[in-house]
């Protein structure tokens, strides 16, 4: 079989598996609504994480984290007989490893929100349990899901004690500036929008951005089980944080709106890194998109020249402000 065809088949299979796990995640969260007794309401709103009974370990169990995650939309879709929920439930029944992947993703998200350490021991104890011989496969699939859906990498920081941490794939810092209840990894959503803008020539009509997001199951007027209110996130939150620019298209009547990269996106990421992220989603390499790859390379060269010029200016300024003392001849007496 030609290499190109094999690559396409691998990409198709990877996307199918990712869709299955996403559907399973949605179904599991919808099912979690029936366990609301385990998550008592606080101030009229369900708690995002369960309260620990006194004397219990600090680590949140995956099952509790799963059942106590906000999933209003998931509950509605279940009530309406959503095919996504039924398909996801079928995925969970058919492949027990998928269920463990879903639970581990939930577990990692809770750790991310609470800024708690992640250890192999906790993952085995609270999530993997009797599937310990499949730990590496479950961890690999969960890590891929975290990377592609949320834009964060799972890194092992202590190989001896097997401690891990979740690291933002890029230099983006907005997660730390959002309110605590909104502090879920939204880097993946932002990267998709930045990618659409890049591929549309640095300016993307709003309707085309939503066309792409709709294919991912993200809709403007529908609360998302991960991203919350997507329209608010990309037209308000990320705009206020200067990652996106959202403006009326010049001369449009009736008014139409468009997205551009904001100044912080230019400062904290690059076209090449966005293209690498999109290529990873398609299980390929950036050079598989020749025209965009060429543009990204030009952007890298321009950034390198700008950095070199900035260093030269800094060195010149430092040299200009350093006092120069005349050198005395070697034979000249000091006194």
Protein backbone atom coordinates (compact mmCIF):
# COMPACT_ATOMS: atom_id res chain seq x y z
CA UNK A 1 0.00 0.00 0.00
CA UNK A 2 1.46 3.44 -0.92
CA UNK A 3 2.79 5.47 2.02
CA UNK A 4 0.38 8.35 1.35
CA UNK A 5 -2.62 6.02 1.52
CA UNK A 6 -1.33 4.45 4.75
CA UNK A 7 -0.93 7.91 6.28
CA UNK A 8 -4.51 8.82 5.33
CA UNK A 9 -5.82 5.57 6.82
CA UNK A 10 -3.91 6.18 10.06
CA UNK A 11 -5.23 9.74 10.25
CA UNK A 12 -8.80 8.55 9.62
CA UNK A 13 -8.50 5.88 12.31
CA UNK A 14 -7.03 8.36 14.80
CA UNK A 15 -9.85 10.85 14.18
CA UNK A 16 -12.42 8.04 14.52
CA UNK A 17 -10.92 6.98 17.84
CA UNK A 18 -10.80 10.58 19.07
CA UNK A 19 -14.47 11.06 18.14
CA UNK A 20 -15.39 7.83 19.92
CA UNK A 21 -13.58 8.89 23.08
CA UNK A 22 -15.13 12.37 22.95
CA UNK A 23 -18.59 10.84 22.57
CA UNK A 24 -17.79 8.53 25.46
CA UNK A 25 -16.69 11.48 27.56
CA UNK A 26 -19.94 13.32 26.80
CA UNK A 27 -22.00 10.22 27.56
CA UNK A 28 -20.16 9.58 30.79
CA UNK A 29 -20.73 13.14 31.92
CA UNK A 30 -24.40 12.94 30.99
CA UNK A 31 -24.71 9.70 32.93
CA UNK A 32 -23.02 11.42 35.84
CA UNK A 33 -26.10 13.65 36.21
CA UNK A 34 -27.95 10.69 37.70
CA UNK A 35 -25.37 10.62 40.50
CA UNK A 36 -26.15 14.15 41.68
CA UNK A 37 -26.68 12.89 45.22
CA UNK A 38 -22.92 12.45 45.44
CA UNK A 39 -22.49 16.16 44.64
CA UNK A 40 -24.60 18.29 46.98
CA UNK A 41 -25.51 21.75 45.65
CA UNK A 42 -23.66 24.75 47.02
CA UNK A 43 -25.20 28.18 46.74
CA UNK A 44 -27.74 27.00 44.18
CA UNK A 45 -25.05 25.58 41.87
CA UNK A 46 -23.73 22.04 41.75
CA UNK A 47 -20.22 21.78 43.04
CA UNK A 48 -17.66 21.36 40.29
CA UNK A 49 -15.73 18.90 42.45
CA UNK A 50 -16.94 16.65 45.27
CA UNK A 51 -16.34 17.52 48.89
CA UNK A 52 -13.92 15.13 50.53
CA UNK A 53 -15.10 13.31 53.63
CA UNK A 54 -12.90 13.95 56.63
CA UNK A 55 -9.86 11.72 56.68
CA UNK A 56 -10.07 10.74 53.01
CA UNK A 57 -7.03 11.07 50.74
CA UNK A 58 -6.48 14.42 49.04
CA UNK A 59 -6.65 12.88 45.58
CA UNK A 60 -10.05 13.06 43.90
CA UNK A 61 -11.32 9.69 42.75
CA UNK A 62 -11.95 9.50 39.02
CA UNK A 63 -15.51 8.29 39.50
CA UNK A 64 -16.35 11.19 41.78
CA UNK A 65 -14.66 13.67 39.48
CA UNK A 66 -16.59 12.24 36.57
CA UNK A 67 -20.00 12.35 38.20
CA UNK A 68 -19.51 15.80 39.71
CA UNK A 69 -18.37 17.68 36.61
CA UNK A 70 -20.81 20.30 35.35
CA UNK A 71 -22.67 18.83 32.38
CA UNK A 72 -25.93 20.71 31.94
CA UNK A 73 -25.73 20.34 28.18
CA UNK A 74 -24.93 16.66 28.51
CA UNK A 75 -28.01 16.14 30.67
CA UNK A 76 -30.20 17.96 28.17
CA UNK A 77 -28.86 15.94 25.26
CA UNK A 78 -29.51 12.74 27.19
CA UNK A 79 -33.09 13.79 27.92
CA UNK A 80 -33.57 14.56 24.23
CA UNK A 81 -32.23 11.14 23.22
CA UNK A 82 -29.11 12.62 21.66
CA UNK A 83 -27.39 10.17 19.28
CA UNK A 84 -24.05 11.45 20.59
CA UNK A 85 -24.93 10.24 24.08
CA UNK A 86 -26.17 6.84 22.91
CA UNK A 87 -23.14 6.37 20.64
CA UNK A 88 -20.81 7.35 23.46
CA UNK A 89 -22.49 4.94 25.87
CA UNK A 90 -22.12 2.17 23.30
CA UNK A 91 -18.40 3.00 22.96
CA UNK A 92 -18.00 2.68 26.74
CA UNK A 93 -19.74 -0.72 26.76
CA UNK A 94 -17.83 -2.05 23.77
CA UNK A 95 -14.30 -1.10 24.86
CA UNK A 96 -13.55 -1.06 28.60
CA UNK A 97 -10.21 0.65 27.91
CA UNK A 98 -12.12 3.57 26.38
CA UNK A 99 -13.95 3.97 29.67
CA UNK A 100 -10.64 4.10 31.51
CA UNK A 101 -9.33 6.67 29.01
CA UNK A 102 -12.40 8.82 29.65
CA UNK A 103 -12.03 8.48 33.42
CA UNK A 104 -8.34 9.31 33.25
CA UNK A 105 -9.01 12.43 31.16
CA UNK A 106 -11.56 13.54 33.76
CA UNK A 107 -9.08 12.79 36.55
CA UNK A 108 -6.35 14.82 34.83
CA UNK A 109 -8.71 17.74 34.22
CA UNK A 110 -9.59 17.84 37.91
CA UNK A 111 -5.89 17.78 38.81
CA UNK A 112 -5.29 20.59 36.32
CA UNK A 113 -8.05 22.72 37.83
CA UNK A 114 -6.92 22.12 41.40
CA UNK A 115 -3.20 22.46 40.56
CA UNK A 116 -2.53 19.16 42.34
CA UNK A 117 0.40 16.82 41.63
CA UNK A 118 -0.23 13.84 39.37
CA UNK A 119 1.36 10.51 40.23
CA UNK A 120 1.27 7.08 38.65
CA UNK A 121 0.32 5.64 42.03
CA UNK A 122 -2.82 7.82 42.18
CA UNK A 123 -3.75 7.02 38.59
CA UNK A 124 -3.47 3.29 39.29
CA UNK A 125 -5.35 3.54 42.58
CA UNK A 126 -8.22 5.82 41.58
CA UNK A 127 -8.61 5.22 37.84
CA UNK A 128 -6.79 2.25 36.32
CA UNK A 129 -7.42 -0.21 39.16
CA UNK A 130 -7.55 -3.79 37.82
CA UNK A 131 -6.44 -2.65 34.34
CA UNK A 132 -2.91 -1.93 35.57
CA UNK A 133 -1.35 -4.09 32.85
CA UNK A 134 -2.90 -1.70 30.30
CA UNK A 135 -1.62 1.41 32.09
CA UNK A 136 0.78 2.51 29.34
CA UNK A 137 -1.85 2.23 26.60
CA UNK A 138 -4.51 4.04 28.64
CA UNK A 139 -2.07 6.79 29.60
CA UNK A 140 -0.93 7.20 25.98
CA UNK A 141 -4.48 7.57 24.68
CA UNK A 142 -5.49 9.93 27.47
CA UNK A 143 -2.37 12.04 26.84
CA UNK A 144 -3.21 12.31 23.13
CA UNK A 145 -6.75 13.37 24.00
CA UNK A 146 -5.46 16.04 26.43
CA UNK A 147 -3.09 17.35 23.78
CA UNK A 148 -5.54 17.53 20.88
CA UNK A 149 -8.67 18.57 22.78
CA UNK A 150 -7.18 20.88 25.37
CA UNK A 151 -3.74 21.85 24.09
CA UNK A 152 -1.84 20.55 27.13
CA UNK A 153 0.93 17.96 27.35
CA UNK A 154 1.33 15.38 30.10
CA UNK A 155 5.03 15.39 31.06
CA UNK A 156 6.83 13.08 33.44
CA UNK A 157 8.84 15.33 35.78
CA UNK A 158 10.16 12.67 38.18
CA UNK A 159 10.99 9.32 36.52
CA UNK A 160 11.85 7.74 39.89
CA UNK A 161 8.58 8.50 41.69
CA UNK A 162 6.63 8.67 38.40
CA UNK A 163 5.27 12.17 38.96
CA UNK A 164 3.65 14.05 36.08
CA UNK A 165 2.51 17.56 35.33
CA UNK A 166 0.25 19.11 32.70
CA UNK A 167 2.05 21.73 30.63
CA UNK A 168 0.46 24.18 28.22
CA UNK A 169 1.72 23.18 24.77
CA UNK A 170 2.42 26.80 23.92
CA UNK A 171 3.53 29.89 25.78
CA UNK A 172 -0.10 30.97 26.15
CA UNK A 173 -0.79 32.29 29.63
CA UNK A 174 -4.52 33.01 29.55
CA UNK A 175 -5.52 29.98 31.65
CA UNK A 176 -3.94 31.57 34.70
CA UNK A 177 -5.81 34.84 34.19
CA UNK A 178 -9.34 33.46 33.98
CA UNK A 179 -11.72 33.15 36.91
CA UNK A 180 -11.30 29.98 38.97
CA UNK A 181 -14.61 28.51 37.89
CA UNK A 182 -13.62 29.04 34.24
CA UNK A 183 -10.11 27.70 34.69
CA UNK A 184 -10.34 24.79 32.27
CA UNK A 185 -7.75 24.30 29.55
CA UNK A 186 -9.12 26.23 26.55
CA UNK A 187 -5.83 26.34 24.65
CA UNK A 188 -7.12 23.74 22.18
CA UNK A 189 -10.16 25.87 21.30
CA UNK A 190 -8.00 28.98 20.88
CA UNK A 191 -5.50 27.10 18.72
CA UNK A 192 -8.27 25.92 16.37
CA UNK A 193 -9.54 29.50 15.97
CA UNK A 194 -6.00 30.82 15.41
CA UNK A 195 -5.51 28.06 12.82
CA UNK A 196 -8.67 29.01 10.92
CA UNK A 197 -7.58 32.67 10.92
CA UNK A 198 -4.12 31.73 9.64
CA UNK A 199 -5.47 29.52 6.87
CA UNK A 200 -7.96 32.19 5.79
CA UNK A 201 -5.19 34.70 5.18
CA UNK A 202 -4.90 36.30 8.64
CA UNK A 203 -8.58 37.29 8.78
CA UNK A 204 -11.46 34.81 9.12
CA UNK A 205 -15.19 35.60 8.78
CA UNK A 206 -17.06 34.63 11.94
CA UNK A 207 -19.39 32.24 10.09
CA UNK A 208 -16.41 30.28 8.72
CA UNK A 209 -14.90 29.97 12.19
CA UNK A 210 -18.18 28.52 13.46
CA UNK A 211 -18.38 26.12 10.50
CA UNK A 212 -15.10 24.57 11.66
CA UNK A 213 -16.08 24.58 15.33
CA UNK A 214 -19.47 23.02 14.51
CA UNK A 215 -17.65 20.05 12.95
CA UNK A 216 -15.97 19.60 16.35
CA UNK A 217 -19.33 19.66 18.13
CA UNK A 218 -18.85 23.23 19.40
CA UNK A 219 -21.82 25.54 18.74
CA UNK A 220 -22.31 29.26 19.34
CA UNK A 221 -25.59 29.07 21.26
CA UNK A 222 -25.05 25.75 23.04
CA UNK A 223 -23.19 25.27 26.30
CA UNK A 224 -20.24 22.95 25.80
CA UNK A 225 -19.33 20.37 28.43
CA UNK A 226 -15.68 21.51 28.39
CA UNK A 227 -15.57 25.05 27.04
CA UNK A 228 -18.70 26.38 28.74
CA UNK A 229 -20.20 29.10 26.53
CA UNK A 230 -18.01 28.99 23.41
CA UNK A 231 -19.38 32.22 21.90
CA UNK A 232 -18.54 34.14 25.07
CA UNK A 233 -15.10 32.53 25.26
CA UNK A 234 -14.00 33.50 21.74
CA UNK A 235 -15.86 36.81 21.28
CA UNK A 236 -15.36 38.22 24.79
CA UNK A 237 -12.92 36.38 27.08
CA UNK A 238 -10.13 35.80 24.56
CA UNK A 239 -10.72 39.23 23.00
CA UNK A 240 -10.38 40.97 26.39
CA UNK A 241 -7.19 38.99 27.00
CA UNK A 242 -5.83 40.21 23.62
CA UNK A 243 -5.49 36.73 22.08
CA UNK A 244 -8.15 37.44 19.46
CA UNK A 245 -9.44 40.53 17.72
CA UNK A 246 -13.15 40.54 16.92
CA UNK A 247 -14.40 43.36 14.71
CA UNK A 248 -17.08 44.31 12.22
CA UNK A 249 -15.98 43.61 8.66
CA UNK A 250 -15.28 46.95 6.92
CA UNK A 251 -18.19 48.11 4.77
CA UNK A 252 -20.43 45.16 5.67
CA UNK A 253 -24.16 45.87 5.60
CA UNK A 254 -25.88 44.17 7.35
CA UNK A 255 -22.98 43.98 9.81
CA UNK A 256 -20.74 40.92 9.57
CA UNK A 257 -17.92 40.16 11.96
CA UNK A 258 -14.48 38.64 11.58
CA UNK A 259 -11.62 37.33 13.70
CA UNK A 260 -7.93 38.24 13.61
CA UNK A 261 -4.98 37.28 15.79
CA UNK A 262 -4.62 39.54 18.81
CA UNK A 263 -1.29 41.04 19.96
CA UNK A 264 -0.78 38.41 22.66
CA UNK A 265 -1.23 35.60 20.13
CA UNK A 266 1.52 37.14 17.99
CA UNK A 267 3.73 37.52 21.07
CA UNK A 268 3.15 34.09 22.64
CA UNK A 269 2.84 31.74 19.67
CA UNK A 270 3.62 31.64 15.96
CA UNK A 271 2.16 30.48 12.67
CA UNK A 272 4.51 27.49 12.68
CA UNK A 273 3.40 26.34 16.13
CA UNK A 274 -0.26 26.70 15.17
CA UNK A 275 0.39 24.74 11.97
CA UNK A 276 2.21 22.03 13.94
CA UNK A 277 -0.82 21.75 16.24
CA UNK A 278 -3.23 21.41 13.30
CA UNK A 279 -0.93 18.90 11.59
CA UNK A 280 -0.90 16.80 14.76
CA UNK A 281 -4.71 16.70 14.71
CA UNK A 282 -4.54 15.33 11.16
CA UNK A 283 -1.74 12.90 12.09
CA UNK A 284 0.66 14.44 9.60
CA UNK A 285 3.48 17.01 9.43
CA UNK A 286 3.33 20.77 8.72
CA UNK A 287 5.01 20.36 5.32
CA UNK A 288 1.94 18.40 4.18
CA UNK A 289 0.30 21.85 3.80
CA UNK A 290 2.84 23.42 1.37
CA UNK A 291 1.50 26.97 0.99
CA UNK A 292 0.80 27.44 4.71
CA UNK A 293 4.12 25.80 5.59
CA UNK A 294 5.96 28.24 3.33
CA UNK A 295 4.16 31.18 4.96
CA UNK A 296 4.97 29.81 8.42
CA UNK A 297 8.66 29.47 7.47
CA UNK A 298 8.71 33.11 6.30
CA UNK A 299 7.15 34.12 9.61
CA UNK A 300 9.86 32.20 11.48
CA UNK A 301 12.58 33.96 9.47
CA UNK A 302 11.04 37.38 10.12
CA UNK A 303 10.82 36.63 13.83
CA UNK A 304 14.47 35.51 13.87
CA UNK A 305 15.54 38.76 12.16
CA UNK A 306 13.45 40.80 14.59
CA UNK A 307 15.04 39.02 17.57
CA UNK A 308 18.54 39.59 16.16
CA UNK A 309 17.79 43.28 15.59
CA UNK A 310 16.42 43.60 19.13
CA UNK A 311 19.56 41.99 20.56
CA UNK A 312 21.75 44.35 18.52
CA UNK A 313 19.81 47.39 19.77
CA UNK A 314 20.09 46.18 23.36
CA UNK A 315 23.84 45.64 23.00
CA UNK A 316 24.27 49.10 21.42
CA UNK A 317 22.30 50.75 24.24
CA UNK A 318 24.33 48.91 26.86
CA UNK A 319 27.55 49.97 25.17
CA UNK A 320 26.41 53.60 24.97
CA UNK A 321 25.57 53.77 28.68
CA UNK A 322 28.78 52.09 29.89
CA UNK A 323 31.33 54.72 31.06
CA UNK A 324 34.65 54.60 29.21
CA UNK A 325 37.82 55.36 31.19
CA UNK A 326 41.00 56.22 29.30
CA UNK A 327 43.74 53.64 29.67
CA UNK A 328 46.91 54.87 31.37
CA UNK A 329 50.23 54.08 29.70
CA UNK A 330 51.99 51.18 31.37
CA UNK A 331 54.91 53.40 32.46
CA UNK A 332 52.78 56.23 33.88
CA UNK A 333 52.94 56.57 37.67
CA UNK A 334 49.61 56.40 39.42
CA UNK A 335 50.68 58.85 42.14
